[in-house]
Amino acid sequence: MQQAVEVSTFTCICCPLGCPLEVSFDAAGSVADVVGNTCKRGAQYAAREATAPERMVTAVLPVAGCLEPVSVKTTAPVPKACVSAVLEACRGMRLAMPVAAGEILIADVCGTGVAVVATKSVP
């Protein structure tokens, strides 16, 4: 049996149990073992979070001629390292009325293959 070179800890967010997870890495830097999970989804979550963390991005943006901002989000999680760049791309947008909920505002934000859509309509 090989010894783990590094161990990372996480709290699972797949269900309300919040299992404490430990991810062990081998000498090559790949996931060797996940312990602490009570379900298969927890093990998959920990392995993804340890190797390639991703986050959904949400924001509110001003709309010219409207007092209410429009809320936006990514359609899928983006790599955690890209979150700042995605927010910067959103911040650079200039929206004009009308904006429809579900409207694609940025088709491929920061080359991630993920779209930014409006989650609220502004007539």
PDB file of N, CA and C in Angstrom:
ATOM      1  N   MET A   1       0.841  -1.185   0.000  1.00  0.00           N
ATOM      2  CA  MET A   1       0.000   0.000   0.000  1.00  0.00           C
ATOM      3  C   MET A   1       0.881   1.241   0.000  1.00  0.00           C
ATOM      4  N   GLN A   2       0.556   2.182  -0.866  1.00  0.00           N
ATOM      5  CA  GLN A   2       1.334   3.407  -0.975  1.00  0.00           C
ATOM      6  C   GLN A   2       0.851   4.433   0.035  1.00  0.00           C
ATOM      7  N   GLN A   3       1.764   5.272   0.469  1.00  0.00           N
ATOM      8  CA  GLN A   3       1.413   6.365   1.367  1.00  0.00           C
ATOM      9  C   GLN A   3       0.966   7.569   0.547  1.00  0.00           C
ATOM     10  N   ALA A   4      -0.011   8.299   1.060  1.00  0.00           N
ATOM     11  CA  ALA A   4      -0.468   9.510   0.386  1.00  0.00           C
ATOM     12  C   ALA A   4       0.601  10.584   0.520  1.00  0.00           C
ATOM     13  N   VAL A   5       0.848  11.287  -0.568  1.00  0.00           N
ATOM     14  CA  VAL A   5       1.820  12.365  -0.567  1.00  0.00           C
ATOM     15  C   VAL A   5       1.189  13.633   0.010  1.00  0.00           C
ATOM     16  N   GLU A   6      -0.083  13.840  -0.294  1.00  0.00           N
ATOM     17  CA  GLU A   6      -0.785  15.044   0.149  1.00  0.00           C
ATOM     18  C   GLU A   6      -2.236  14.678   0.423  1.00  0.00           C
ATOM     19  N   VAL A   7      -2.857  15.372   1.386  1.00  0.00           N
ATOM     20  CA  VAL A   7      -4.255  15.158   1.710  1.00  0.00           C
ATOM     21  C   VAL A   7      -4.950  16.511   1.762  1.00  0.00           C
ATOM     22  N   SER A   8      -6.093  16.625   1.084  1.00  0.00           N
ATOM     23  CA  SER A   8      -6.907  17.833   1.125  1.00  0.00           C
ATOM     24  C   SER A   8      -8.241  17.492   1.765  1.00  0.00           C
ATOM     25  N   THR A   9      -8.810  18.442   2.494  1.00  0.00           N
ATOM     26  CA  THR A   9     -10.103  18.216   3.141  1.00  0.00           C
ATOM     27  C   THR A   9     -11.156  19.149   2.552  1.00  0.00           C
ATOM     28  N   PHE A  10     -12.364  18.638   2.457  1.00  0.00           N
ATOM     29  CA  PHE A  10     -13.501  19.382   1.921  1.00  0.00           C
ATOM     30  C   PHE A  10     -14.737  19.033   2.732  1.00  0.00           C
ATOM     31  N   THR A  11     -15.730  19.885   2.648  1.00  0.00           N
ATOM     32  CA  THR A  11     -17.051  19.565   3.167  1.00  0.00           C
ATOM     33  C   THR A  11     -17.945  19.368   1.961  1.00  0.00           C
ATOM     34  N   CYS A  12     -18.579  18.216   1.881  1.00  0.00           N
ATOM     35  CA  CYS A  12     -19.408  17.888   0.730  1.00  0.00           C
ATOM     36  C   CYS A  12     -20.645  18.791   0.696  1.00  0.00           C
ATOM     37  N   ILE A  13     -20.996  19.257  -0.502  1.00  0.00           N
ATOM     38  CA  ILE A  13     -22.177  20.104  -0.667  1.00  0.00           C
ATOM     39  C   ILE A  13     -23.228  19.436  -1.556  1.00  0.00           C
ATOM     40  N   CYS A  14     -23.090  18.128  -1.782  1.00  0.00           N
ATOM     41  CA  CYS A  14     -24.027  17.422  -2.655  1.00  0.00           C
ATOM     42  C   CYS A  14     -25.385  17.195  -2.002  1.00  0.00           C
ATOM     43  N   CYS A  15     -25.435  17.135  -0.693  1.00  0.00           N
ATOM     44  CA  CYS A  15     -26.700  16.948   0.019  1.00  0.00           C
ATOM     45  C   CYS A  15     -26.601  17.647   1.378  1.00  0.00           C
ATOM     46  N   PRO A  16     -27.668  17.704   2.135  1.00  0.00           N
ATOM     47  CA  PRO A  16     -27.650  18.407   3.422  1.00  0.00           C
ATOM     48  C   PRO A  16     -26.772  17.778   4.514  1.00  0.00           C
ATOM     49  N   LEU A  17     -26.262  16.572   4.317  1.00  0.00           N
ATOM     50  CA  LEU A  17     -25.450  15.937   5.353  1.00  0.00           C
ATOM     51  C   LEU A  17     -24.127  16.667   5.598  1.00  0.00           C
ATOM     52  N   GLY A  18     -23.521  17.223   4.578  1.00  0.00           N
ATOM     53  CA  GLY A  18     -22.260  17.947   4.727  1.00  0.00           C
ATOM     54  C   GLY A  18     -21.125  17.073   5.225  1.00  0.00           C
ATOM     55  N   CYS A  19     -20.941  15.942   4.610  1.00  0.00           N
ATOM     56  CA  CYS A  19     -19.899  14.994   5.041  1.00  0.00           C
ATOM     57  C   CYS A  19     -18.508  15.616   4.960  1.00  0.00           C
ATOM     58  N   PRO A  20     -17.670  15.382   5.984  1.00  0.00           N
ATOM     59  CA  PRO A  20     -16.269  15.816   5.898  1.00  0.00           C
ATOM     60  C   PRO A  20     -15.493  14.827   5.032  1.00  0.00           C
ATOM     61  N   LEU A  21     -14.886  15.327   3.962  1.00  0.00           N
ATOM     62  CA  LEU A  21     -14.197  14.473   2.997  1.00  0.00           C
ATOM     63  C   LEU A  21     -12.700  14.709   3.043  1.00  0.00           C
ATOM     64  N   GLU A  22     -11.946  13.656   2.855  1.00  0.00           N
ATOM     65  CA  GLU A  22     -10.498  13.751   2.727  1.00  0.00           C
ATOM     66  C   GLU A  22     -10.089  13.122   1.403  1.00  0.00           C
ATOM     67  N   VAL A  23      -9.324  13.873   0.627  1.00  0.00           N
ATOM     68  CA  VAL A  23      -8.843  13.395  -0.662  1.00  0.00           C
ATOM     69  C   VAL A  23      -7.339  13.191  -0.549  1.00  0.00           C
ATOM     70  N   SER A  24      -6.895  11.987  -0.856  1.00  0.00           N
ATOM     71  CA  SER A  24      -5.471  11.658  -0.825  1.00  0.00           C
ATOM     72  C   SER A  24      -4.936  11.629  -2.254  1.00  0.00           C
ATOM     73  N   PHE A  25      -3.751  12.180  -2.430  1.00  0.00           N
ATOM     74  CA  PHE A  25      -3.099  12.203  -3.734  1.00  0.00           C
ATOM     75  C   PHE A  25      -1.904  11.273  -3.711  1.00  0.00           C
ATOM     76  N   ASP A  26      -1.599  10.672  -4.858  1.00  0.00           N
ATOM     77  CA  ASP A  26      -0.413   9.832  -4.960  1.00  0.00           C
ATOM     78  C   ASP A  26       0.778  10.685  -5.388  1.00  0.00           C
ATOM     79  N   ALA A  27       1.910  10.056  -5.600  1.00  0.00           N
ATOM     80  CA  ALA A  27       3.133  10.777  -5.962  1.00  0.00           C
ATOM     81  C   ALA A  27       3.015  11.482  -7.309  1.00  0.00           C
ATOM     82  N   ALA A  28       2.158  10.977  -8.193  1.00  0.00           N
ATOM     83  CA  ALA A  28       1.978  11.593  -9.509  1.00  0.00           C
ATOM     84  C   ALA A  28       1.042  12.801  -9.458  1.00  0.00           C
ATOM     85  N   GLY A  29       0.403  13.014  -8.307  1.00  0.00           N
ATOM     86  CA  GLY A  29      -0.494  14.156  -8.155  1.00  0.00           C
ATOM     87  C   GLY A  29      -1.935  13.872  -8.523  1.00  0.00           C
ATOM     88  N   SER A  30      -2.260  12.619  -8.792  1.00  0.00           N
ATOM     89  CA  SER A  30      -3.651  12.277  -9.096  1.00  0.00           C
ATOM     90  C   SER A  30      -4.345  11.754  -7.840  1.00  0.00           C
ATOM     91  N   VAL A  31      -5.661  11.762  -7.867  1.00  0.00           N
ATOM     92  CA  VAL A  31      -6.442  11.345  -6.699  1.00  0.00           C
ATOM     93  C   VAL A  31      -6.243   9.852  -6.474  1.00  0.00           C
ATOM     94  N   ALA A  32      -5.798   9.504  -5.266  1.00  0.00           N
ATOM     95  CA  ALA A  32      -5.577   8.104  -4.912  1.00  0.00           C
ATOM     96  C   ALA A  32      -6.783   7.535  -4.172  1.00  0.00           C
ATOM     97  N   ASP A  33      -7.400   8.356  -3.286  1.00  0.00           N
ATOM     98  CA  ASP A  33      -8.486   7.844  -2.462  1.00  0.00           C
ATOM     99  C   ASP A  33      -9.323   8.998  -1.922  1.00  0.00           C
ATOM    100  N   VAL A  34     -10.609   8.738  -1.745  1.00  0.00           N
ATOM    101  CA  VAL A  34     -11.519   9.687  -1.105  1.00  0.00           C
ATOM    102  C   VAL A  34     -12.179   8.952   0.043  1.00  0.00           C
ATOM    103  N   VAL A  35     -12.123   9.538   1.244  1.00  0.00           N
ATOM    104  CA  VAL A  35     -12.774   8.928   2.405  1.00  0.00           C
ATOM    105  C   VAL A  35     -13.674   9.956   3.088  1.00  0.00           C
ATOM    106  N   GLY A  36     -14.678   9.434   3.799  1.00  0.00           N
ATOM    107  CA  GLY A  36     -15.587  10.286   4.548  1.00  0.00           C
ATOM    108  C   GLY A  36     -16.935  10.478   3.886  1.00  0.00           C
ATOM    109  N   ASN A  37     -17.050  10.071   2.632  1.00  0.00           N
ATOM    110  CA  ASN A  37     -18.313  10.252   1.920  1.00  0.00           C
ATOM    111  C   ASN A  37     -19.295   9.151   2.296  1.00  0.00           C
ATOM    112  N   THR A  38     -20.585   9.499   2.340  1.00  0.00           N
ATOM    113  CA  THR A  38     -21.607   8.488   2.590  1.00  0.00           C
ATOM    114  C   THR A  38     -22.334   8.098   1.310  1.00  0.00           C
ATOM    115  N   CYS A  39     -22.011   8.778   0.201  1.00  0.00           N
ATOM    116  CA  CYS A  39     -22.631   8.429  -1.080  1.00  0.00           C
ATOM    117  C   CYS A  39     -21.594   8.572  -2.198  1.00  0.00           C
ATOM    118  N   LYS A  40     -21.935   7.997  -3.336  1.00  0.00           N
ATOM    119  CA  LYS A  40     -21.033   8.022  -4.489  1.00  0.00           C
ATOM    120  C   LYS A  40     -20.826   9.448  -5.006  1.00  0.00           C
ATOM    121  N   ARG A  41     -21.897  10.262  -4.945  1.00  0.00           N
ATOM    122  CA  ARG A  41     -21.791  11.643  -5.429  1.00  0.00           C
ATOM    123  C   ARG A  41     -20.752  12.431  -4.631  1.00  0.00           C
ATOM    124  N   GLY A  42     -20.642  12.155  -3.340  1.00  0.00           N
ATOM    125  CA  GLY A  42     -19.669  12.851  -2.505  1.00  0.00           C
ATOM    126  C   GLY A  42     -18.241  12.565  -2.941  1.00  0.00           C
ATOM    127  N   ALA A  43     -17.972  11.319  -3.294  1.00  0.00           N
ATOM    128  CA  ALA A  43     -16.631  10.944  -3.764  1.00  0.00           C
ATOM    129  C   ALA A  43     -16.315  11.632  -5.082  1.00  0.00           C
ATOM    130  N   GLN A  44     -17.291  11.674  -5.988  1.00  0.00           N
ATOM    131  CA  GLN A  44     -17.084  12.342  -7.276  1.00  0.00           C
ATOM    132  C   GLN A  44     -16.874  13.838  -7.081  1.00  0.00           C
ATOM    133  N   TYR A  45     -17.665  14.445  -6.200  1.00  0.00           N
ATOM    134  CA  TYR A  45     -17.527  15.880  -5.914  1.00  0.00           C
ATOM    135  C   TYR A  45     -16.126  16.184  -5.375  1.00  0.00           C
ATOM    136  N   ALA A  46     -15.666  15.404  -4.412  1.00  0.00           N
ATOM    137  CA  ALA A  46     -14.358  15.649  -3.802  1.00  0.00           C
ATOM    138  C   ALA A  46     -13.230  15.515  -4.814  1.00  0.00           C
ATOM    139  N   ALA A  47     -13.306  14.504  -5.661  1.00  0.00           N
ATOM    140  CA  ALA A  47     -12.261  14.310  -6.676  1.00  0.00           C
ATOM    141  C   ALA A  47     -12.229  15.486  -7.650  1.00  0.00           C
ATOM    142  N   ARG A  48     -13.418  15.955  -8.085  1.00  0.00           N
ATOM    143  CA  ARG A  48     -13.478  17.120  -8.994  1.00  0.00           C
ATOM    144  C   ARG A  48     -12.974  18.380  -8.295  1.00  0.00           C
ATOM    145  N   GLU A  49     -13.404  18.587  -7.062  1.00  0.00           N
ATOM    146  CA  GLU A  49     -13.034  19.798  -6.328  1.00  0.00           C
ATOM    147  C   GLU A  49     -11.529  19.832  -6.050  1.00  0.00           C
ATOM    148  N   ALA A  50     -10.937  18.682  -5.849  1.00  0.00           N
ATOM    149  CA  ALA A  50      -9.505  18.615  -5.554  1.00  0.00           C
ATOM    150  C   ALA A  50      -8.646  18.826  -6.798  1.00  0.00           C
ATOM    151  N   THR A  51      -9.145  18.422  -7.962  1.00  0.00           N
ATOM    152  CA  THR A  51      -8.322  18.494  -9.171  1.00  0.00           C
ATOM    153  C   THR A  51      -8.682  19.643 -10.097  1.00  0.00           C
ATOM    154  N   ALA A  52      -9.972  19.936 -10.246  1.00  0.00           N
ATOM    155  CA  ALA A  52     -10.402  20.987 -11.178  1.00  0.00           C
ATOM    156  C   ALA A  52     -11.657  21.681 -10.639  1.00  0.00           C
ATOM    157  N   PRO A  53     -11.502  22.535  -9.624  1.00  0.00           N
ATOM    158  CA  PRO A  53     -12.680  23.173  -9.030  1.00  0.00           C
ATOM    159  C   PRO A  53     -13.391  24.097 -10.013  1.00  0.00           C
ATOM    160  N   GLU A  54     -14.715  24.091  -9.946  1.00  0.00           N
ATOM    161  CA  GLU A  54     -15.540  24.935 -10.809  1.00  0.00           C
ATOM    162  C   GLU A  54     -16.576  25.659  -9.963  1.00  0.00           C
ATOM    163  N   ARG A  55     -17.028  26.810 -10.467  1.00  0.00           N
ATOM    164  CA  ARG A  55     -18.032  27.601  -9.769  1.00  0.00           C
ATOM    165  C   ARG A  55     -19.024  28.204 -10.759  1.00  0.00           C
ATOM    166  N   MET A  56     -20.270  28.321 -10.322  1.00  0.00           N
ATOM    167  CA  MET A  56     -21.262  29.111 -11.064  1.00  0.00           C
ATOM    168  C   MET A  56     -20.940  30.572 -10.756  1.00  0.00           C
ATOM    169  N   VAL A  57     -21.189  31.445 -11.722  1.00  0.00           N
ATOM    170  CA  VAL A  57     -20.937  32.871 -11.517  1.00  0.00           C
ATOM    171  C   VAL A  57     -22.259  33.613 -11.677  1.00  0.00           C
ATOM    172  N   THR A  58     -22.571  34.457 -10.713  1.00  0.00           N
ATOM    173  CA  THR A  58     -23.769  35.293 -10.784  1.00  0.00           C
ATOM    174  C   THR A  58     -23.362  36.739 -10.566  1.00  0.00           C
ATOM    175  N   ALA A  59     -24.145  37.646 -11.138  1.00  0.00           N
ATOM    176  CA  ALA A  59     -23.858  39.072 -10.982  1.00  0.00           C
ATOM    177  C   ALA A  59     -25.126  39.864 -11.298  1.00  0.00           C
ATOM    178  N   VAL A  60     -25.094  41.138 -11.001  1.00  0.00           N
ATOM    179  CA  VAL A  60     -26.144  42.057 -11.428  1.00  0.00           C
ATOM    180  C   VAL A  60     -25.484  43.143 -12.256  1.00  0.00           C
ATOM    181  N   LEU A  61     -26.153  43.526 -13.353  1.00  0.00           N
ATOM    182  CA  LEU A  61     -25.586  44.512 -14.270  1.00  0.00           C
ATOM    183  C   LEU A  61     -26.579  45.646 -14.497  1.00  0.00           C
ATOM    184  N   PRO A  62     -26.078  46.858 -14.656  1.00  0.00           N
ATOM    185  CA  PRO A  62     -26.982  47.969 -14.933  1.00  0.00           C
ATOM    186  C   PRO A  62     -27.509  47.897 -16.366  1.00  0.00           C
ATOM    187  N   VAL A  63     -28.708  48.432 -16.552  1.00  0.00           N
ATOM    188  CA  VAL A  63     -29.323  48.517 -17.872  1.00  0.00           C
ATOM    189  C   VAL A  63     -29.572  49.995 -18.145  1.00  0.00           C
ATOM    190  N   ALA A  64     -29.073  50.489 -19.284  1.00  0.00           N
ATOM    191  CA  ALA A  64     -29.240  51.900 -19.635  1.00  0.00           C
ATOM    192  C   ALA A  64     -30.717  52.257 -19.682  1.00  0.00           C
ATOM    193  N   GLY A  65     -31.067  53.341 -19.016  1.00  0.00           N
ATOM    194  CA  GLY A  65     -32.436  53.822 -19.006  1.00  0.00           C
ATOM    195  C   GLY A  65     -33.355  53.107 -18.036  1.00  0.00           C
ATOM    196  N   CYS A  66     -32.808  52.284 -17.168  1.00  0.00           N
ATOM    197  CA  CYS A  66     -33.622  51.522 -16.218  1.00  0.00           C
ATOM    198  C   CYS A  66     -33.008  51.650 -14.822  1.00  0.00           C
ATOM    199  N   LEU A  67     -33.845  51.820 -13.829  1.00  0.00           N
ATOM    200  CA  LEU A  67     -33.342  51.939 -12.458  1.00  0.00           C
ATOM    201  C   LEU A  67     -32.994  50.593 -11.839  1.00  0.00           C
ATOM    202  N   GLU A  68     -33.633  49.530 -12.312  1.00  0.00           N
ATOM    203  CA  GLU A  68     -33.368  48.198 -11.773  1.00  0.00           C
ATOM    204  C   GLU A  68     -32.263  47.505 -12.553  1.00  0.00           C
ATOM    205  N   PRO A  69     -31.303  46.904 -11.857  1.00  0.00           N
ATOM    206  CA  PRO A  69     -30.285  46.123 -12.571  1.00  0.00           C
ATOM    207  C   PRO A  69     -30.877  44.790 -13.016  1.00  0.00           C
ATOM    208  N   VAL A  70     -30.220  44.136 -13.925  1.00  0.00           N
ATOM    209  CA  VAL A  70     -30.643  42.815 -14.379  1.00  0.00           C
ATOM    210  C   VAL A  70     -29.667  41.790 -13.811  1.00  0.00           C
ATOM    211  N   SER A  71     -30.201  40.670 -13.321  1.00  0.00           N
ATOM    212  CA  SER A  71     -29.347  39.611 -12.792  1.00  0.00           C
ATOM    213  C   SER A  71     -28.918  38.696 -13.933  1.00  0.00           C
ATOM    214  N   VAL A  72     -27.683  38.233 -13.866  1.00  0.00           N
ATOM    215  CA  VAL A  72     -27.130  37.343 -14.885  1.00  0.00           C
ATOM    216  C   VAL A  72     -26.416  36.179 -14.204  1.00  0.00           C
ATOM    217  N   LYS A  73     -26.245  35.100 -14.955  1.00  0.00           N
ATOM    218  CA  LYS A  73     -25.505  33.944 -14.433  1.00  0.00           C
ATOM    219  C   LYS A  73     -24.895  33.170 -15.584  1.00  0.00           C
ATOM    220  N   THR A  74     -23.924  32.334 -15.249  1.00  0.00           N
ATOM    221  CA  THR A  74     -23.369  31.430 -16.250  1.00  0.00           C
ATOM    222  C   THR A  74     -24.308  30.231 -16.372  1.00  0.00           C
ATOM    223  N   THR A  75     -24.363  29.638 -17.551  1.00  0.00           N
ATOM    224  CA  THR A  75     -25.256  28.500 -17.764  1.00  0.00           C
ATOM    225  C   THR A  75     -24.695  27.206 -17.192  1.00  0.00           C
ATOM    226  N   ALA A  76     -23.425  27.205 -16.864  1.00  0.00           N
ATOM    227  CA  ALA A  76     -22.755  26.041 -16.285  1.00  0.00           C
ATOM    228  C   ALA A  76     -21.589  26.553 -15.450  1.00  0.00           C
ATOM    229  N   PRO A  77     -21.054  25.732 -14.573  1.00  0.00           N
ATOM    230  CA  PRO A  77     -19.883  26.169 -13.808  1.00  0.00           C
ATOM    231  C   PRO A  77     -18.688  26.433 -14.724  1.00  0.00           C
ATOM    232  N   VAL A  78     -17.860  27.389 -14.319  1.00  0.00           N
ATOM    233  CA  VAL A  78     -16.619  27.708 -15.032  1.00  0.00           C
ATOM    234  C   VAL A  78     -15.445  27.372 -14.116  1.00  0.00           C
ATOM    235  N   PRO A  79     -14.265  27.137 -14.665  1.00  0.00           N
ATOM    236  CA  PRO A  79     -13.108  26.871 -13.807  1.00  0.00           C
ATOM    237  C   PRO A  79     -12.922  27.995 -12.785  1.00  0.00           C
ATOM    238  N   LYS A  80     -12.624  27.626 -11.564  1.00  0.00           N
ATOM    239  CA  LYS A  80     -12.494  28.604 -10.477  1.00  0.00           C
ATOM    240  C   LYS A  80     -11.455  29.677 -10.810  1.00  0.00           C
ATOM    241  N   ALA A  81     -10.425  29.319 -11.532  1.00  0.00           N
ATOM    242  CA  ALA A  81      -9.389  30.283 -11.902  1.00  0.00           C
ATOM    243  C   ALA A  81      -9.906  31.346 -12.872  1.00  0.00           C
ATOM    244  N   CYS A  82     -11.018  31.077 -13.546  1.00  0.00           N
ATOM    245  CA  CYS A  82     -11.578  32.018 -14.531  1.00  0.00           C
ATOM    246  C   CYS A  82     -12.666  32.924 -13.955  1.00  0.00           C
ATOM    247  N   VAL A  83     -13.054  32.748 -12.713  1.00  0.00           N
ATOM    248  CA  VAL A  83     -14.171  33.503 -12.153  1.00  0.00           C
ATOM    249  C   VAL A  83     -13.931  35.010 -12.235  1.00  0.00           C
ATOM    250  N   SER A  84     -12.759  35.475 -11.880  1.00  0.00           N
ATOM    251  CA  SER A  84     -12.465  36.917 -11.943  1.00  0.00           C
ATOM    252  C   SER A  84     -12.561  37.444 -13.367  1.00  0.00           C
ATOM    253  N   ALA A  85     -12.053  36.688 -14.327  1.00  0.00           N
ATOM    254  CA  ALA A  85     -12.109  37.110 -15.729  1.00  0.00           C
ATOM    255  C   ALA A  85     -13.550  37.142 -16.234  1.00  0.00           C
ATOM    256  N   VAL A  86     -14.363  36.187 -15.815  1.00  0.00           N
ATOM    257  CA  VAL A  86     -15.773  36.162 -16.208  1.00  0.00           C
ATOM    258  C   VAL A  86     -16.494  37.380 -15.637  1.00  0.00           C
ATOM    259  N   LEU A  87     -16.243  37.691 -14.369  1.00  0.00           N
ATOM    260  CA  LEU A  87     -16.863  38.874 -13.759  1.00  0.00           C
ATOM    261  C   LEU A  87     -16.401  40.154 -14.453  1.00  0.00           C
ATOM    262  N   GLU A  88     -15.142  40.211 -14.841  1.00  0.00           N
ATOM    263  CA  GLU A  88     -14.622  41.380 -15.554  1.00  0.00           C
ATOM    264  C   GLU A  88     -15.295  41.521 -16.924  1.00  0.00           C
ATOM    265  N   ALA A  89     -15.518  40.409 -17.611  1.00  0.00           N
ATOM    266  CA  ALA A  89     -16.205  40.440 -18.901  1.00  0.00           C
ATOM    267  C   ALA A  89     -17.642  40.925 -18.731  1.00  0.00           C
ATOM    268  N   CYS A  90     -18.289  40.487 -17.675  1.00  0.00           N
ATOM    269  CA  CYS A  90     -19.659  40.940 -17.386  1.00  0.00           C
ATOM    270  C   CYS A  90     -19.667  42.430 -17.064  1.00  0.00           C
ATOM    271  N   ARG A  91     -18.706  42.855 -16.295  1.00  0.00           N
ATOM    272  CA  ARG A  91     -18.636  44.264 -15.899  1.00  0.00           C
ATOM    273  C   ARG A  91     -18.453  45.180 -17.108  1.00  0.00           C
ATOM    274  N   GLY A  92     -17.822  44.696 -18.141  1.00  0.00           N
ATOM    275  CA  GLY A  92     -17.590  45.493 -19.337  1.00  0.00           C
ATOM    276  C   GLY A  92     -18.793  45.578 -20.270  1.00  0.00           C
ATOM    277  N   MET A  93     -19.851  44.843 -19.967  1.00  0.00           N
ATOM    278  CA  MET A  93     -21.034  44.856 -20.829  1.00  0.00           C
ATOM    279  C   MET A  93     -21.850  46.127 -20.635  1.00  0.00           C
ATOM    280  N   ARG A  94     -22.456  46.583 -21.708  1.00  0.00           N
ATOM    281  CA  ARG A  94     -23.369  47.725 -21.667  1.00  0.00           C
ATOM    282  C   ARG A  94     -24.706  47.240 -22.186  1.00  0.00           C
ATOM    283  N   LEU A  95     -25.658  47.032 -21.282  1.00  0.00           N
ATOM    284  CA  LEU A  95     -26.964  46.511 -21.659  1.00  0.00           C
ATOM    285  C   LEU A  95     -27.946  47.637 -21.931  1.00  0.00           C
ATOM    286  N   ALA A  96     -28.817  47.412 -22.899  1.00  0.00           N
ATOM    287  CA  ALA A  96     -29.883  48.354 -23.220  1.00  0.00           C
ATOM    288  C   ALA A  96     -31.205  47.597 -23.212  1.00  0.00           C
ATOM    289  N   MET A  97     -32.278  48.311 -22.879  1.00  0.00           N
ATOM    290  CA  MET A  97     -33.600  47.690 -22.864  1.00  0.00           C
ATOM    291  C   MET A  97     -34.011  47.335 -24.289  1.00  0.00           C
ATOM    292  N   PRO A  98     -34.786  46.334 -24.511  1.00  0.00           N
ATOM    293  CA  PRO A  98     -35.288  45.336 -23.564  1.00  0.00           C
ATOM    294  C   PRO A  98     -34.287  44.183 -23.387  1.00  0.00           C
ATOM    295  N   VAL A  99     -34.368  43.549 -22.233  1.00  0.00           N
ATOM    296  CA  VAL A  99     -33.579  42.355 -21.937  1.00  0.00           C
ATOM    297  C   VAL A  99     -34.571  41.279 -21.513  1.00  0.00           C
ATOM    298  N   ALA A 100     -34.504  40.119 -22.129  1.00  0.00           N
ATOM    299  CA  ALA A 100     -35.422  39.020 -21.813  1.00  0.00           C
ATOM    300  C   ALA A 100     -34.729  37.971 -20.960  1.00  0.00           C
ATOM    301  N   ALA A 101     -35.460  37.419 -20.013  1.00  0.00           N
ATOM    302  CA  ALA A 101     -34.917  36.333 -19.193  1.00  0.00           C
ATOM    303  C   ALA A 101     -34.537  35.179 -20.114  1.00  0.00           C
ATOM    304  N   GLY A 102     -33.352  34.633 -19.919  1.00  0.00           N
ATOM    305  CA  GLY A 102     -32.853  33.547 -20.752  1.00  0.00           C
ATOM    306  C   GLY A 102     -32.062  34.008 -21.967  1.00  0.00           C
ATOM    307  N   GLU A 103     -32.063  35.313 -22.219  1.00  0.00           N
ATOM    308  CA  GLU A 103     -31.326  35.858 -23.357  1.00  0.00           C
ATOM    309  C   GLU A 103     -29.826  35.664 -23.148  1.00  0.00           C
ATOM    310  N   ILE A 104     -29.148  35.178 -24.168  1.00  0.00           N
ATOM    311  CA  ILE A 104     -27.699  34.980 -24.091  1.00  0.00           C
ATOM    312  C   ILE A 104     -27.027  36.335 -24.269  1.00  0.00           C
ATOM    313  N   LEU A 105     -26.283  36.747 -23.269  1.00  0.00           N
ATOM    314  CA  LEU A 105     -25.603  38.041 -23.296  1.00  0.00           C
ATOM    315  C   LEU A 105     -24.157  37.914 -23.769  1.00  0.00           C
ATOM    316  N   ILE A 106     -23.502  36.827 -23.384  1.00  0.00           N
ATOM    317  CA  ILE A 106     -22.154  36.498 -23.867  1.00  0.00           C
ATOM    318  C   ILE A 106     -22.185  35.013 -24.208  1.00  0.00           C
ATOM    319  N   ALA A 107     -21.932  34.665 -25.451  1.00  0.00           N
ATOM    320  CA  ALA A 107     -22.061  33.273 -25.900  1.00  0.00           C
ATOM    321  C   ALA A 107     -20.962  32.367 -25.343  1.00  0.00           C
ATOM    322  N   ASP A 108     -19.724  32.804 -25.377  1.00  0.00           N
ATOM    323  CA  ASP A 108     -18.585  31.988 -24.933  1.00  0.00           C
ATOM    324  C   ASP A 108     -17.697  32.881 -24.072  1.00  0.00           C
ATOM    325  N   VAL A 109     -18.048  33.002 -22.815  1.00  0.00           N
ATOM    326  CA  VAL A 109     -17.343  33.932 -21.945  1.00  0.00           C
ATOM    327  C   VAL A 109     -15.927  33.432 -21.648  1.00  0.00           C
ATOM    328  N   CYS A 110     -14.965  34.243 -21.948  1.00  0.00           N
ATOM    329  CA  CYS A 110     -13.542  33.980 -21.675  1.00  0.00           C
ATOM    330  C   CYS A 110     -13.043  32.652 -22.242  1.00  0.00           C
ATOM    331  N   GLY A 111     -13.621  32.207 -23.343  1.00  0.00           N
ATOM    332  CA  GLY A 111     -13.185  30.971 -23.973  1.00  0.00           C
ATOM    333  C   GLY A 111     -13.491  29.715 -23.187  1.00  0.00           C
ATOM    334  N   THR A 112     -14.437  29.786 -22.257  1.00  0.00           N
ATOM    335  CA  THR A 112     -14.776  28.627 -21.430  1.00  0.00           C
ATOM    336  C   THR A 112     -15.808  27.719 -22.076  1.00  0.00           C
ATOM    337  N   GLY A 113     -16.474  28.208 -23.136  1.00  0.00           N
ATOM    338  CA  GLY A 113     -17.545  27.438 -23.752  1.00  0.00           C
ATOM    339  C   GLY A 113     -18.869  27.577 -23.017  1.00  0.00           C
ATOM    340  N   VAL A 114     -18.909  28.455 -22.033  1.00  0.00           N
ATOM    341  CA  VAL A 114     -20.099  28.664 -21.206  1.00  0.00           C
ATOM    342  C   VAL A 114     -20.689  30.031 -21.535  1.00  0.00           C
ATOM    343  N   ALA A 115     -22.010  30.094 -21.591  1.00  0.00           N
ATOM    344  CA  ALA A 115     -22.688  31.353 -21.888  1.00  0.00           C
ATOM    345  C   ALA A 115     -23.093  32.077 -20.604  1.00  0.00           C
ATOM    346  N   VAL A 116     -23.228  33.393 -20.719  1.00  0.00           N
ATOM    347  CA  VAL A 116     -23.788  34.218 -19.646  1.00  0.00           C
ATOM    348  C   VAL A 116     -25.166  34.631 -20.113  1.00  0.00           C
ATOM    349  N   VAL A 117     -26.188  34.358 -19.291  1.00  0.00           N
ATOM    350  CA  VAL A 117     -27.575  34.663 -19.656  1.00  0.00           C
ATOM    351  C   VAL A 117     -28.222  35.564 -18.622  1.00  0.00           C
ATOM    352  N   ALA A 118     -29.237  36.305 -19.072  1.00  0.00           N
ATOM    353  CA  ALA A 118     -30.038  37.122 -18.168  1.00  0.00           C
ATOM    354  C   ALA A 118     -31.005  36.206 -17.428  1.00  0.00           C
ATOM    355  N   THR A 119     -31.211  36.471 -16.150  1.00  0.00           N
ATOM    356  CA  THR A 119     -32.148  35.665 -15.371  1.00  0.00           C
ATOM    357  C   THR A 119     -33.415  36.458 -15.046  1.00  0.00           C
ATOM    358  N   LYS A 120     -33.502  37.651 -15.577  1.00  0.00           N
ATOM    359  CA  LYS A 120     -34.630  38.538 -15.303  1.00  0.00           C
ATOM    360  C   LYS A 120     -34.932  39.335 -16.571  1.00  0.00           C
ATOM    361  N   SER A 121     -36.203  39.621 -16.782  1.00  0.00           N
ATOM    362  CA  SER A 121     -36.596  40.421 -17.940  1.00  0.00           C
ATOM    363  C   SER A 121     -36.728  41.891 -17.566  1.00  0.00           C
ATOM    364  N   VAL A 122     -36.285  42.752 -18.458  1.00  0.00           N
ATOM    365  CA  VAL A 122     -36.477  44.189 -18.323  1.00  0.00           C
ATOM    366  C   VAL A 122     -37.145  44.651 -19.621  1.00  0.00           C
ATOM    367  N   PRO A 123     -38.449  45.003 -19.553  1.00  0.00           N
ATOM    368  CA  PRO A 123     -39.172  45.362 -20.780  1.00  0.00           C
ATOM    369  C   PRO A 123     -38.682  46.667 -21.393  1.00  0.00           C
TER     370      PRO A 123
END
